[in-house]
PDB file of N, CA and C in Angstrom:
ATOM      1  N   MET A   1       1.125  15.134 -71.264  1.00  0.00           N
ATOM      2  CA  MET A   1       1.773  15.909 -72.288  1.00  0.00           C
ATOM      3  C   MET A   1       0.806  16.847 -73.010  1.00  0.00           C
ATOM      4  N   PRO A   2      -0.134  17.410 -72.344  1.00  0.00           N
ATOM      5  CA  PRO A   2      -1.057  18.308 -73.035  1.00  0.00           C
ATOM      6  C   PRO A   2      -0.438  19.648 -73.387  1.00  0.00           C
ATOM      7  N   PHE A   3       0.774  19.935 -72.882  1.00  0.00           N
ATOM      8  CA  PHE A   3       1.384  21.234 -73.132  1.00  0.00           C
ATOM      9  C   PHE A   3       2.359  21.226 -74.307  1.00  0.00           C
ATOM     10  N   LEU A   4       2.371  20.165 -75.096  1.00  0.00           N
ATOM     11  CA  LEU A   4       3.243  20.105 -76.264  1.00  0.00           C
ATOM     12  C   LEU A   4       2.667  20.954 -77.396  1.00  0.00           C
ATOM     13  N   THR A   5       3.548  21.606 -78.110  1.00  0.00           N
ATOM     14  CA  THR A   5       3.102  22.370 -79.276  1.00  0.00           C
ATOM     15  C   THR A   5       2.920  21.428 -80.463  1.00  0.00           C
ATOM     16  N   ASP A   6       2.281  21.937 -81.497  1.00  0.00           N
ATOM     17  CA  ASP A   6       2.077  21.116 -82.701  1.00  0.00           C
ATOM     18  C   ASP A   6       3.401  20.678 -83.292  1.00  0.00           C
ATOM     19  N   ARG A   7       4.375  21.568 -83.262  1.00  0.00           N
ATOM     20  CA  ARG A   7       5.690  21.219 -83.822  1.00  0.00           C
ATOM     21  C   ARG A   7       6.351  20.108 -83.023  1.00  0.00           C
ATOM     22  N   LYS A   8       6.230  20.150 -81.703  1.00  0.00           N
ATOM     23  CA  LYS A   8       6.828  19.097 -80.880  1.00  0.00           C
ATOM     24  C   LYS A   8       6.145  17.741 -81.110  1.00  0.00           C
ATOM     25  N   ARG A   9       4.827  17.754 -81.332  1.00  0.00           N
ATOM     26  CA  ARG A   9       4.125  16.502 -81.605  1.00  0.00           C
ATOM     27  C   ARG A   9       4.541  15.915 -82.947  1.00  0.00           C
ATOM     28  N   ALA A  10       4.822  16.765 -83.931  1.00  0.00           N
ATOM     29  CA  ALA A  10       5.179  16.301 -85.275  1.00  0.00           C
ATOM     30  C   ALA A  10       6.658  16.029 -85.425  1.00  0.00           C
ATOM     31  N   ASN A  11       7.472  16.517 -84.506  1.00  0.00           N
ATOM     32  CA  ASN A  11       8.922  16.369 -84.600  1.00  0.00           C
ATOM     33  C   ASN A  11       9.304  14.883 -84.542  1.00  0.00           C
ATOM     34  N   GLY A  12      10.110  14.463 -85.504  1.00  0.00           N
ATOM     35  CA  GLY A  12      10.579  13.088 -85.531  1.00  0.00           C
ATOM     36  C   GLY A  12       9.696  12.130 -86.319  1.00  0.00           C
ATOM     37  N   MET A  13       8.548  12.587 -86.753  1.00  0.00           N
ATOM     38  CA  MET A  13       7.676  11.709 -87.523  1.00  0.00           C
ATOM     39  C   MET A  13       8.123  11.604 -88.969  1.00  0.00           C
ATOM     40  N   GLY A  14       8.880  12.551 -89.454  1.00  0.00           N
ATOM     41  CA  GLY A  14       9.376  12.497 -90.822  1.00  0.00           C
ATOM     42  C   GLY A  14       8.321  12.899 -91.831  1.00  0.00           C
ATOM     43  N   SER A  15       8.730  12.918 -93.074  1.00  0.00           N
ATOM     44  CA  SER A  15       7.796  13.279 -94.136  1.00  0.00           C
ATOM     45  C   SER A  15       7.298  12.017 -94.825  1.00  0.00           C
ATOM     46  N   ALA A  16       6.248  12.179 -95.600  1.00  0.00           N
ATOM     47  CA  ALA A  16       5.718  11.038 -96.341  1.00  0.00           C
ATOM     48  C   ALA A  16       6.591  10.712 -97.552  1.00  0.00           C
ATOM     49  N   LYS A  17       7.398  11.662 -97.974  1.00  0.00           N
ATOM     50  CA  LYS A  17       8.347  11.516 -99.088  1.00  0.00           C
ATOM     51  C   LYS A  17       7.662  11.254-100.433  1.00  0.00           C
ATOM     52  N   THR A  18       6.414  11.613-100.575  1.00  0.00           N
ATOM     53  CA  THR A  18       5.739  11.426-101.857  1.00  0.00           C
ATOM     54  C   THR A  18       5.135  12.715-102.385  1.00  0.00           C
ATOM     55  N   GLY A  19       5.185  13.787-101.612  1.00  0.00           N
ATOM     56  CA  GLY A  19       4.537  15.030-102.026  1.00  0.00           C
ATOM     57  C   GLY A  19       5.127  15.617-103.295  1.00  0.00           C
ATOM     58  N   THR A  20       6.435  15.577-103.435  1.00  0.00           N
ATOM     59  CA  THR A  20       7.071  16.153-104.614  1.00  0.00           C
ATOM     60  C   THR A  20       6.725  15.357-105.870  1.00  0.00           C
ATOM     61  N   ALA A  21       6.724  14.046-105.762  1.00  0.00           N
ATOM     62  CA  ALA A  21       6.385  13.211-106.921  1.00  0.00           C
ATOM     63  C   ALA A  21       4.937  13.436-107.346  1.00  0.00           C
ATOM     64  N   GLN A  22       4.019  13.551-106.376  1.00  0.00           N
ATOM     65  CA  GLN A  22       2.623  13.821-106.715  1.00  0.00           C
ATOM     66  C   GLN A  22       2.483  15.194-107.360  1.00  0.00           C
ATOM     67  N   PHE A  23       3.196  16.178-106.811  1.00  0.00           N
ATOM     68  CA  PHE A  23       3.129  17.534-107.361  1.00  0.00           C
ATOM     69  C   PHE A  23       3.611  17.563-108.810  1.00  0.00           C
ATOM     70  N   TRP A  24       4.747  16.944-109.078  1.00  0.00           N
ATOM     71  CA  TRP A  24       5.275  16.961-110.446  1.00  0.00           C
ATOM     72  C   TRP A  24       4.413  16.132-111.390  1.00  0.00           C
ATOM     73  N   GLY A  25       3.867  15.037-110.914  1.00  0.00           N
ATOM     74  CA  GLY A  25       2.972  14.241-111.748  1.00  0.00           C
ATOM     75  C   GLY A  25       1.741  15.022-112.156  1.00  0.00           C
ATOM     76  N   MET A  26       1.147  15.730-111.200  1.00  0.00           N
ATOM     77  CA  MET A  26      -0.030  16.544-111.512  1.00  0.00           C
ATOM     78  C   MET A  26       0.340  17.725-112.404  1.00  0.00           C
ATOM     79  N   THR A  27       1.507  18.328-112.178  1.00  0.00           N
ATOM     80  CA  THR A  27       1.933  19.467-112.994  1.00  0.00           C
ATOM     81  C   THR A  27       2.181  19.048-114.439  1.00  0.00           C
ATOM     82  N   ILE A  28       2.862  17.944-114.630  1.00  0.00           N
ATOM     83  CA  ILE A  28       3.159  17.471-115.986  1.00  0.00           C
ATOM     84  C   ILE A  28       1.879  17.076-116.716  1.00  0.00           C
ATOM     85  N   SER A  29       0.974  16.385-116.017  1.00  0.00           N
ATOM     86  CA  SER A  29      -0.272  16.006-116.682  1.00  0.00           C
ATOM     87  C   SER A  29      -1.143  17.228-116.959  1.00  0.00           C
ATOM     88  N   SER A  30      -1.067  18.247-116.109  1.00  0.00           N
ATOM     89  CA  SER A  30      -1.815  19.485-116.369  1.00  0.00           C
ATOM     90  C   SER A  30      -1.302  20.192-117.612  1.00  0.00           C
ATOM     91  N   VAL A  31       0.010  20.272-117.748  1.00  0.00           N
ATOM     92  CA  VAL A  31       0.591  20.912-118.934  1.00  0.00           C
ATOM     93  C   VAL A  31       0.268  20.101-120.188  1.00  0.00           C
ATOM     94  N   ALA A  32       0.318  18.786-120.076  1.00  0.00           N
ATOM     95  CA  ALA A  32      -0.035  17.947-121.229  1.00  0.00           C
ATOM     96  C   ALA A  32      -1.498  18.158-121.613  1.00  0.00           C
ATOM     97  N   LEU A  33      -2.365  18.292-120.621  1.00  0.00           N
ATOM     98  CA  LEU A  33      -3.780  18.520-120.917  1.00  0.00           C
ATOM     99  C   LEU A  33      -4.022  19.904-121.510  1.00  0.00           C
ATOM    100  N   LEU A  34      -3.170  20.881-121.175  1.00  0.00           N
ATOM    101  CA  LEU A  34      -3.290  22.203-121.795  1.00  0.00           C
ATOM    102  C   LEU A  34      -3.099  22.132-123.302  1.00  0.00           C
ATOM    103  N   VAL A  35      -2.313  21.190-123.762  1.00  0.00           N
ATOM    104  CA  VAL A  35      -2.093  21.013-125.198  1.00  0.00           C
ATOM    105  C   VAL A  35      -3.122  20.046-125.791  1.00  0.00           C
ATOM    106  N   LEU A  36      -3.405  18.967-125.061  1.00  0.00           N
ATOM    107  CA  LEU A  36      -4.255  17.912-125.605  1.00  0.00           C
ATOM    108  C   LEU A  36      -5.737  18.296-125.696  1.00  0.00           C
ATOM    109  N   VAL A  37      -6.252  19.012-124.717  1.00  0.00           N
ATOM    110  CA  VAL A  37      -7.683  19.324-124.722  1.00  0.00           C
ATOM    111  C   VAL A  37      -8.073  20.216-125.907  1.00  0.00           C
ATOM    112  N   PRO A  38      -7.341  21.303-126.197  1.00  0.00           N
ATOM    113  CA  PRO A  38      -7.700  22.050-127.416  1.00  0.00           C
ATOM    114  C   PRO A  38      -7.540  21.214-128.681  1.00  0.00           C
ATOM    115  N   GLY A  39      -6.507  20.378-128.735  1.00  0.00           N
ATOM    116  CA  GLY A  39      -6.345  19.486-129.884  1.00  0.00           C
ATOM    117  C   GLY A  39      -7.508  18.516-130.002  1.00  0.00           C
ATOM    118  N   PHE A  40      -7.977  18.011-128.868  1.00  0.00           N
ATOM    119  CA  PHE A  40      -9.132  17.117-128.856  1.00  0.00           C
ATOM    120  C   PHE A  40     -10.379  17.857-129.337  1.00  0.00           C
ATOM    121  N   ILE A  41     -10.564  19.072-128.871  1.00  0.00           N
ATOM    122  CA  ILE A  41     -11.746  19.846-129.278  1.00  0.00           C
ATOM    123  C   ILE A  41     -11.718  20.127-130.778  1.00  0.00           C
ATOM    124  N   PHE A  42     -10.546  20.475-131.306  1.00  0.00           N
ATOM    125  CA  PHE A  42     -10.460  20.787-132.736  1.00  0.00           C
ATOM    126  C   PHE A  42     -10.518  19.547-133.621  1.00  0.00           C
ATOM    127  N   THR A  43     -10.183  18.372-133.086  1.00  0.00           N
ATOM    128  CA  THR A  43     -10.290  17.160-133.903  1.00  0.00           C
ATOM    129  C   THR A  43     -11.662  16.514-133.786  1.00  0.00           C
ATOM    130  N   VAL A  44     -12.277  16.585-132.620  1.00  0.00           N
ATOM    131  CA  VAL A  44     -13.583  15.964-132.432  1.00  0.00           C
ATOM    132  C   VAL A  44     -14.707  16.911-132.830  1.00  0.00           C
ATOM    133  N   GLY A  45     -14.504  18.202-132.656  1.00  0.00           N
ATOM    134  CA  GLY A  45     -15.541  19.195-132.941  1.00  0.00           C
ATOM    135  C   GLY A  45     -16.162  19.109-134.323  1.00  0.00           C
ATOM    136  N   PRO A  46     -15.372  18.989-135.395  1.00  0.00           N
ATOM    137  CA  PRO A  46     -15.979  18.904-136.728  1.00  0.00           C
ATOM    138  C   PRO A  46     -16.827  17.653-136.945  1.00  0.00           C
ATOM    139  N   MET A  47     -16.658  16.650-136.115  1.00  0.00           N
ATOM    140  CA  MET A  47     -17.399  15.406-136.301  1.00  0.00           C
ATOM    141  C   MET A  47     -18.744  15.396-135.581  1.00  0.00           C
ATOM    142  N   ILE A  48     -19.020  16.415-134.799  1.00  0.00           N
ATOM    143  CA  ILE A  48     -20.292  16.469-134.079  1.00  0.00           C
ATOM    144  C   ILE A  48     -21.426  16.648-135.090  1.00  0.00           C
ATOM    145  N   GLY A  49     -22.392  15.778-135.021  1.00  0.00           N
ATOM    146  CA  GLY A  49     -23.539  15.837-135.919  1.00  0.00           C
ATOM    147  C   GLY A  49     -23.370  15.059-137.210  1.00  0.00           C
ATOM    148  N   GLU A  50     -22.205  14.487-137.433  1.00  0.00           N
ATOM    149  CA  GLU A  50     -21.977  13.690-138.641  1.00  0.00           C
ATOM    150  C   GLU A  50     -22.540  12.281-138.445  1.00  0.00           C
ATOM    151  N   ASN A  51     -22.708  11.580-139.550  1.00  0.00           N
ATOM    152  CA  ASN A  51     -23.221  10.214-139.450  1.00  0.00           C
ATOM    153  C   ASN A  51     -22.109   9.253-139.009  1.00  0.00           C
ATOM    154  N   HIS A  52     -22.512   8.039-138.685  1.00  0.00           N
ATOM    155  CA  HIS A  52     -21.596   7.043-138.115  1.00  0.00           C
ATOM    156  C   HIS A  52     -20.440   6.703-139.053  1.00  0.00           C
ATOM    157  N   GLU A  53     -20.709   6.551-140.322  1.00  0.00           N
ATOM    158  CA  GLU A  53     -19.657   6.177-141.281  1.00  0.00           C
ATOM    159  C   GLU A  53     -18.593   7.266-141.391  1.00  0.00           C
ATOM    160  N   THR A  54     -19.016   8.513-141.407  1.00  0.00           N
ATOM    161  CA  THR A  54     -18.056   9.629-141.503  1.00  0.00           C
ATOM    162  C   THR A  54     -17.173   9.684-140.272  1.00  0.00           C
ATOM    163  N   VAL A  55     -17.764   9.491-139.099  1.00  0.00           N
ATOM    164  CA  VAL A  55     -16.995   9.543-137.850  1.00  0.00           C
ATOM    165  C   VAL A  55     -16.007   8.384-137.781  1.00  0.00           C
ATOM    166  N   THR A  56     -16.448   7.185-138.145  1.00  0.00           N
ATOM    167  CA  THR A  56     -15.518   6.052-138.094  1.00  0.00           C
ATOM    168  C   THR A  56     -14.416   6.184-139.137  1.00  0.00           C
ATOM    169  N   ASP A  57     -14.716   6.729-140.301  1.00  0.00           N
ATOM    170  CA  ASP A  57     -13.665   6.983-141.286  1.00  0.00           C
ATOM    171  C   ASP A  57     -12.668   8.019-140.776  1.00  0.00           C
ATOM    172  N   TYR A  58     -13.186   9.038-140.128  1.00  0.00           N
ATOM    173  CA  TYR A  58     -12.319  10.104-139.608  1.00  0.00           C
ATOM    174  C   TYR A  58     -11.396   9.572-138.514  1.00  0.00           C
ATOM    175  N   PHE A  59     -11.946   8.788-137.575  1.00  0.00           N
ATOM    176  CA  PHE A  59     -11.133   8.279-136.478  1.00  0.00           C
ATOM    177  C   PHE A  59     -10.330   7.039-136.853  1.00  0.00           C
ATOM    178  N   SER A  60     -10.466   6.555-138.068  1.00  0.00           N
ATOM    179  CA  SER A  60      -9.593   5.475-138.507  1.00  0.00           C
ATOM    180  C   SER A  60      -8.246   6.031-138.976  1.00  0.00           C
ATOM    181  N   ARG A  61      -8.159   7.348-139.126  1.00  0.00           N
ATOM    182  CA  ARG A  61      -6.871   7.976-139.433  1.00  0.00           C
ATOM    183  C   ARG A  61      -6.057   8.085-138.145  1.00  0.00           C
ATOM    184  N   PRO A  62      -4.720   8.045-138.243  1.00  0.00           N
ATOM    185  CA  PRO A  62      -3.897   7.975-137.032  1.00  0.00           C
ATOM    186  C   PRO A  62      -3.936   9.235-136.157  1.00  0.00           C
ATOM    187  N   PHE A  63      -3.907  10.430-136.740  1.00  0.00           N
ATOM    188  CA  PHE A  63      -3.798  11.635-135.915  1.00  0.00           C
ATOM    189  C   PHE A  63      -5.013  11.856-135.022  1.00  0.00           C
ATOM    190  N   PRO A  64      -6.240  11.850-135.537  1.00  0.00           N
ATOM    191  CA  PRO A  64      -7.381  12.052-134.636  1.00  0.00           C
ATOM    192  C   PRO A  64      -7.521  10.948-133.584  1.00  0.00           C
ATOM    193  N   ALA A  65      -7.219   9.711-133.972  1.00  0.00           N
ATOM    194  CA  ALA A  65      -7.307   8.608-133.011  1.00  0.00           C
ATOM    195  C   ALA A  65      -6.259   8.768-131.913  1.00  0.00           C
ATOM    196  N   LEU A  66      -5.053   9.160-132.288  1.00  0.00           N
ATOM    197  CA  LEU A  66      -3.980   9.338-131.310  1.00  0.00           C
ATOM    198  C   LEU A  66      -4.272  10.500-130.363  1.00  0.00           C
ATOM    199  N   VAL A  67      -4.774  11.607-130.890  1.00  0.00           N
ATOM    200  CA  VAL A  67      -5.109  12.755-130.046  1.00  0.00           C
ATOM    201  C   VAL A  67      -6.207  12.376-129.056  1.00  0.00           C
ATOM    202  N   ALA A  68      -7.241  11.696-129.527  1.00  0.00           N
ATOM    203  CA  ALA A  68      -8.325  11.274-128.642  1.00  0.00           C
ATOM    204  C   ALA A  68      -7.822  10.302-127.584  1.00  0.00           C
ATOM    205  N   LEU A  69      -7.016   9.347-127.985  1.00  0.00           N
ATOM    206  CA  LEU A  69      -6.497   8.353-127.048  1.00  0.00           C
ATOM    207  C   LEU A  69      -5.604   8.991-125.990  1.00  0.00           C
ATOM    208  N   LEU A  70      -4.681   9.842-126.408  1.00  0.00           N
ATOM    209  CA  LEU A  70      -3.796  10.507-125.445  1.00  0.00           C
ATOM    210  C   LEU A  70      -4.581  11.403-124.493  1.00  0.00           C
ATOM    211  N   THR A  71      -5.594  12.088-125.008  1.00  0.00           N
ATOM    212  CA  THR A  71      -6.398  12.950-124.144  1.00  0.00           C
ATOM    213  C   THR A  71      -7.127  12.131-123.095  1.00  0.00           C
ATOM    214  N   PHE A  72      -7.713  11.006-123.488  1.00  0.00           N
ATOM    215  CA  PHE A  72      -8.401  10.159-122.515  1.00  0.00           C
ATOM    216  C   PHE A  72      -7.433   9.590-121.488  1.00  0.00           C
ATOM    217  N   ILE A  73      -6.291   9.097-121.927  1.00  0.00           N
ATOM    218  CA  ILE A  73      -5.341   8.475-120.999  1.00  0.00           C
ATOM    219  C   ILE A  73      -4.788   9.498-120.019  1.00  0.00           C
ATOM    220  N   VAL A  74      -4.280  10.622-120.526  1.00  0.00           N
ATOM    221  CA  VAL A  74      -3.692  11.634-119.640  1.00  0.00           C
ATOM    222  C   VAL A  74      -4.769  12.230-118.728  1.00  0.00           C
ATOM    223  N   GLY A  75      -5.953  12.471-119.264  1.00  0.00           N
ATOM    224  CA  GLY A  75      -7.030  13.028-118.444  1.00  0.00           C
ATOM    225  C   GLY A  75      -7.454  12.100-117.325  1.00  0.00           C
ATOM    226  N   LEU A  76      -7.559  10.818-117.612  1.00  0.00           N
ATOM    227  CA  LEU A  76      -7.984   9.879-116.578  1.00  0.00           C
ATOM    228  C   LEU A  76      -6.884   9.587-115.565  1.00  0.00           C
ATOM    229  N   VAL A  77      -5.621   9.610-115.979  1.00  0.00           N
ATOM    230  CA  VAL A  77      -4.530   9.473-115.003  1.00  0.00           C
ATOM    231  C   VAL A  77      -4.485  10.715-114.108  1.00  0.00           C
ATOM    232  N   HIS A  78      -4.692  11.889-114.686  1.00  0.00           N
ATOM    233  CA  HIS A  78      -4.756  13.127-113.911  1.00  0.00           C
ATOM    234  C   HIS A  78      -5.923  13.059-112.916  1.00  0.00           C
ATOM    235  N   PHE A  79      -7.066  12.558-113.364  1.00  0.00           N
ATOM    236  CA  PHE A  79      -8.217  12.374-112.481  1.00  0.00           C
ATOM    237  C   PHE A  79      -7.885  11.436-111.334  1.00  0.00           C
ATOM    238  N   LYS A  80      -7.238  10.298-111.648  1.00  0.00           N
ATOM    239  CA  LYS A  80      -6.900   9.314-110.616  1.00  0.00           C
ATOM    240  C   LYS A  80      -5.986   9.911-109.560  1.00  0.00           C
ATOM    241  N   ASN A  81      -4.969  10.644-110.003  1.00  0.00           N
ATOM    242  CA  ASN A  81      -4.043  11.260-109.049  1.00  0.00           C
ATOM    243  C   ASN A  81      -4.735  12.327-108.204  1.00  0.00           C
ATOM    244  N   GLY A  82      -5.576  13.119-108.818  1.00  0.00           N
ATOM    245  CA  GLY A  82      -6.283  14.163-108.084  1.00  0.00           C
ATOM    246  C   GLY A  82      -7.273  13.614-107.086  1.00  0.00           C
ATOM    247  N   VAL A  83      -8.031  12.616-107.483  1.00  0.00           N
ATOM    248  CA  VAL A  83      -9.021  12.052-106.564  1.00  0.00           C
ATOM    249  C   VAL A  83      -8.332  11.269-105.442  1.00  0.00           C
ATOM    250  N   THR A  84      -7.165  10.711-105.701  1.00  0.00           N
ATOM    251  CA  THR A  84      -6.407  10.041-104.638  1.00  0.00           C
ATOM    252  C   THR A  84      -5.989  11.037-103.571  1.00  0.00           C
ATOM    253  N   VAL A  85      -5.472  12.183-103.986  1.00  0.00           N
ATOM    254  CA  VAL A  85      -5.085  13.226-103.027  1.00  0.00           C
ATOM    255  C   VAL A  85      -6.312  13.717-102.261  1.00  0.00           C
ATOM    256  N   LEU A  86      -7.417  13.894-102.951  1.00  0.00           N
ATOM    257  CA  LEU A  86      -8.644  14.345-102.311  1.00  0.00           C
ATOM    258  C   LEU A  86      -9.114  13.345-101.259  1.00  0.00           C
ATOM    259  N   ILE A  87      -9.091  12.073-101.588  1.00  0.00           N
ATOM    260  CA  ILE A  87      -9.519  11.042-100.639  1.00  0.00           C
ATOM    261  C   ILE A  87      -8.571  10.990 -99.449  1.00  0.00           C
ATOM    262  N   GLU A  88      -7.257  11.081 -99.704  1.00  0.00           N
ATOM    263  CA  GLU A  88      -6.294  11.066 -98.602  1.00  0.00           C
ATOM    264  C   GLU A  88      -6.512  12.233 -97.649  1.00  0.00           C
ATOM    265  N   ASP A  89      -6.947  13.377 -98.175  1.00  0.00           N
ATOM    266  CA  ASP A  89      -7.133  14.553 -97.337  1.00  0.00           C
ATOM    267  C   ASP A  89      -8.425  14.505 -96.520  1.00  0.00           C
ATOM    268  N   TYR A  90      -9.487  13.899 -97.048  1.00  0.00           N
ATOM    269  CA  TYR A  90     -10.793  14.018 -96.420  1.00  0.00           C
ATOM    270  C   TYR A  90     -11.396  12.735 -95.876  1.00  0.00           C
ATOM    271  N   VAL A  91     -10.784  11.587 -96.126  1.00  0.00           N
ATOM    272  CA  VAL A  91     -11.320  10.320 -95.623  1.00  0.00           C
ATOM    273  C   VAL A  91     -10.242   9.655 -94.785  1.00  0.00           C
ATOM    274  N   GLN A  92     -10.632   9.087 -93.634  1.00  0.00           N
ATOM    275  CA  GLN A  92      -9.657   8.473 -92.741  1.00  0.00           C
ATOM    276  C   GLN A  92      -9.915   6.974 -92.607  1.00  0.00           C
ATOM    277  N   GLY A  93      -8.879   6.271 -92.182  1.00  0.00           N
ATOM    278  CA  GLY A  93      -8.984   4.862 -91.832  1.00  0.00           C
ATOM    279  C   GLY A  93      -9.133   3.923 -93.011  1.00  0.00           C
ATOM    280  N   LEU A  94      -9.861   2.850 -92.772  1.00  0.00           N
ATOM    281  CA  LEU A  94     -10.050   1.812 -93.781  1.00  0.00           C
ATOM    282  C   LEU A  94     -10.834   2.331 -94.982  1.00  0.00           C
ATOM    283  N   ALA A  95     -11.768   3.237 -94.746  1.00  0.00           N
ATOM    284  CA  ALA A  95     -12.555   3.801 -95.848  1.00  0.00           C
ATOM    285  C   ALA A  95     -11.654   4.513 -96.850  1.00  0.00           C
ATOM    286  N   CYS A  96     -10.594   5.146 -96.370  1.00  0.00           N
ATOM    287  CA  CYS A  96      -9.638   5.827 -97.254  1.00  0.00           C
ATOM    288  C   CYS A  96      -9.008   4.827 -98.219  1.00  0.00           C
ATOM    289  N   LYS A  97      -8.549   3.720 -97.693  1.00  0.00           N
ATOM    290  CA  LYS A  97      -7.912   2.711 -98.538  1.00  0.00           C
ATOM    291  C   LYS A  97      -8.899   2.109 -99.527  1.00  0.00           C
ATOM    292  N   ILE A  98     -10.104   1.848 -99.060  1.00  0.00           N
ATOM    293  CA  ILE A  98     -11.117   1.251 -99.939  1.00  0.00           C
ATOM    294  C   ILE A  98     -11.468   2.201-101.080  1.00  0.00           C
ATOM    295  N   TRP A  99     -11.697   3.482-100.756  1.00  0.00           N
ATOM    296  CA  TRP A  99     -12.060   4.449-101.797  1.00  0.00           C
ATOM    297  C   TRP A  99     -10.930   4.672-102.789  1.00  0.00           C
ATOM    298  N   ILE A 100      -9.691   4.666-102.318  1.00  0.00           N
ATOM    299  CA  ILE A 100      -8.557   4.823-103.238  1.00  0.00           C
ATOM    300  C   ILE A 100      -8.494   3.631-104.190  1.00  0.00           C
ATOM    301  N   ILE A 101      -8.693   2.423-103.670  1.00  0.00           N
ATOM    302  CA  ILE A 101      -8.679   1.233-104.527  1.00  0.00           C
ATOM    303  C   ILE A 101      -9.819   1.284-105.527  1.00  0.00           C
ATOM    304  N   VAL A 102     -11.014   1.663-105.073  1.00  0.00           N
ATOM    305  CA  VAL A 102     -12.180   1.725-105.964  1.00  0.00           C
ATOM    306  C   VAL A 102     -11.951   2.750-107.071  1.00  0.00           C
ATOM    307  N   MET A 103     -11.489   3.935-106.718  1.00  0.00           N
ATOM    308  CA  MET A 103     -11.307   4.982-107.726  1.00  0.00           C
ATOM    309  C   MET A 103     -10.154   4.667-108.676  1.00  0.00           C
ATOM    310  N   THR A 104      -9.128   3.998-108.189  1.00  0.00           N
ATOM    311  CA  THR A 104      -8.047   3.565-109.075  1.00  0.00           C
ATOM    312  C   THR A 104      -8.565   2.534-110.073  1.00  0.00           C
ATOM    313  N   CYS A 105      -9.367   1.595-109.600  1.00  0.00           N
ATOM    314  CA  CYS A 105      -9.947   0.591-110.505  1.00  0.00           C
ATOM    315  C   CYS A 105     -10.884   1.226-111.521  1.00  0.00           C
ATOM    316  N   VAL A 106     -11.691   2.185-111.086  1.00  0.00           N
ATOM    317  CA  VAL A 106     -12.597   2.880-112.001  1.00  0.00           C
ATOM    318  C   VAL A 106     -11.801   3.629-113.068  1.00  0.00           C
ATOM    319  N   SER A 107     -10.732   4.300-112.654  1.00  0.00           N
ATOM    320  CA  SER A 107      -9.917   5.057-113.605  1.00  0.00           C
ATOM    321  C   SER A 107      -9.269   4.141-114.635  1.00  0.00           C
ATOM    322  N   TYR A 108      -8.682   3.046-114.173  1.00  0.00           N
ATOM    323  CA  TYR A 108      -8.034   2.139-115.111  1.00  0.00           C
ATOM    324  C   TYR A 108      -9.045   1.417-115.999  1.00  0.00           C
ATOM    325  N   ALA A 109     -10.231   1.154-115.480  1.00  0.00           N
ATOM    326  CA  ALA A 109     -11.278   0.548-116.306  1.00  0.00           C
ATOM    327  C   ALA A 109     -11.712   1.521-117.399  1.00  0.00           C
ATOM    328  N   ALA A 110     -11.824   2.800-117.057  1.00  0.00           N
ATOM    329  CA  ALA A 110     -12.186   3.806-118.063  1.00  0.00           C
ATOM    330  C   ALA A 110     -11.085   3.958-119.106  1.00  0.00           C
ATOM    331  N   ILE A 111      -9.824   3.883-118.682  1.00  0.00           N
ATOM    332  CA  ILE A 111      -8.704   3.951-119.633  1.00  0.00           C
ATOM    333  C   ILE A 111      -8.747   2.743-120.570  1.00  0.00           C
ATOM    334  N   ALA A 112      -8.968   1.560-120.012  1.00  0.00           N
ATOM    335  CA  ALA A 112      -9.040   0.348-120.841  1.00  0.00           C
ATOM    336  C   ALA A 112     -10.207   0.424-121.818  1.00  0.00           C
ATOM    337  N   THR A 113     -11.330   0.960-121.373  1.00  0.00           N
ATOM    338  CA  THR A 113     -12.490   1.109-122.251  1.00  0.00           C
ATOM    339  C   THR A 113     -12.192   2.083-123.383  1.00  0.00           C
ATOM    340  N   ALA A 114     -11.524   3.194-123.069  1.00  0.00           N
ATOM    341  CA  ALA A 114     -11.168   4.178-124.102  1.00  0.00           C
ATOM    342  C   ALA A 114     -10.196   3.577-125.112  1.00  0.00           C
ATOM    343  N   ILE A 115      -9.201   2.845-124.627  1.00  0.00           N
ATOM    344  CA  ILE A 115      -8.238   2.217-125.541  1.00  0.00           C
ATOM    345  C   ILE A 115      -8.948   1.210-126.442  1.00  0.00           C
ATOM    346  N   PHE A 116      -9.816   0.396-125.862  1.00  0.00           N
ATOM    347  CA  PHE A 116     -10.542  -0.607-126.647  1.00  0.00           C
ATOM    348  C   PHE A 116     -11.434   0.066-127.698  1.00  0.00           C
ATOM    349  N   ALA A 117     -12.158   1.103-127.289  1.00  0.00           N
ATOM    350  CA  ALA A 117     -13.092   1.756-128.208  1.00  0.00           C
ATOM    351  C   ALA A 117     -12.356   2.424-129.377  1.00  0.00           C
ATOM    352  N   ILE A 118     -11.297   3.142-129.068  1.00  0.00           N
ATOM    353  CA  ILE A 118     -10.567   3.836-130.139  1.00  0.00           C
ATOM    354  C   ILE A 118      -9.809   2.840-131.010  1.00  0.00           C
ATOM    355  N   ALA A 119      -9.257   1.803-130.404  1.00  0.00           N
ATOM    356  CA  ALA A 119      -8.568   0.784-131.199  1.00  0.00           C
ATOM    357  C   ALA A 119      -9.550   0.053-132.113  1.00  0.00           C
ATOM    358  N   ARG A 120     -10.738  -0.181-131.638  1.00  0.00           N
ATOM    359  CA  ARG A 120     -11.742  -0.853-132.467  1.00  0.00           C
ATOM    360  C   ARG A 120     -12.151   0.013-133.655  1.00  0.00           C
ATOM    361  N   ILE A 121     -12.241   1.316-133.434  1.00  0.00           N
ATOM    362  CA  ILE A 121     -12.584   2.219-134.527  1.00  0.00           C
ATOM    363  C   ILE A 121     -11.399   2.372-135.477  1.00  0.00           C
ATOM    364  N   ALA A 122     -10.204   2.520-134.923  1.00  0.00           N
ATOM    365  CA  ALA A 122      -9.028   2.835-135.740  1.00  0.00           C
ATOM    366  C   ALA A 122      -8.504   1.639-136.512  1.00  0.00           C
ATOM    367  N   LEU A 123      -8.705   0.450-136.001  1.00  0.00           N
ATOM    368  CA  LEU A 123      -8.114  -0.719-136.677  1.00  0.00           C
ATOM    369  C   LEU A 123      -9.118  -1.480-137.486  1.00  0.00           C
TER     370      LEU A 123
END
């Protein structure tokens, strides 16, 4: 069967049925980051160079803590989804599965660390 075209080889294999969900997930998180990142910069920016007590007092208020927390969570979920697509495209076989698991664990560990750190400051 060396004379089959690419379309004939792919015919009947079906789609992965996840491309649209990944696309919308990345699009929604991108739009959320368009709002959150400037908000994060404007809330964290004035605290650069301040002493520890001033920063902890500032982030003990709900708005700056919430903006920082949402930015970290949405940013790291966006990272996880993007790096998963990247790994699926460029790594094959068992290594693909291992790297996806490792990067998912790293992303969720970073999210848990961000939640713990901000909750410790805010509460």
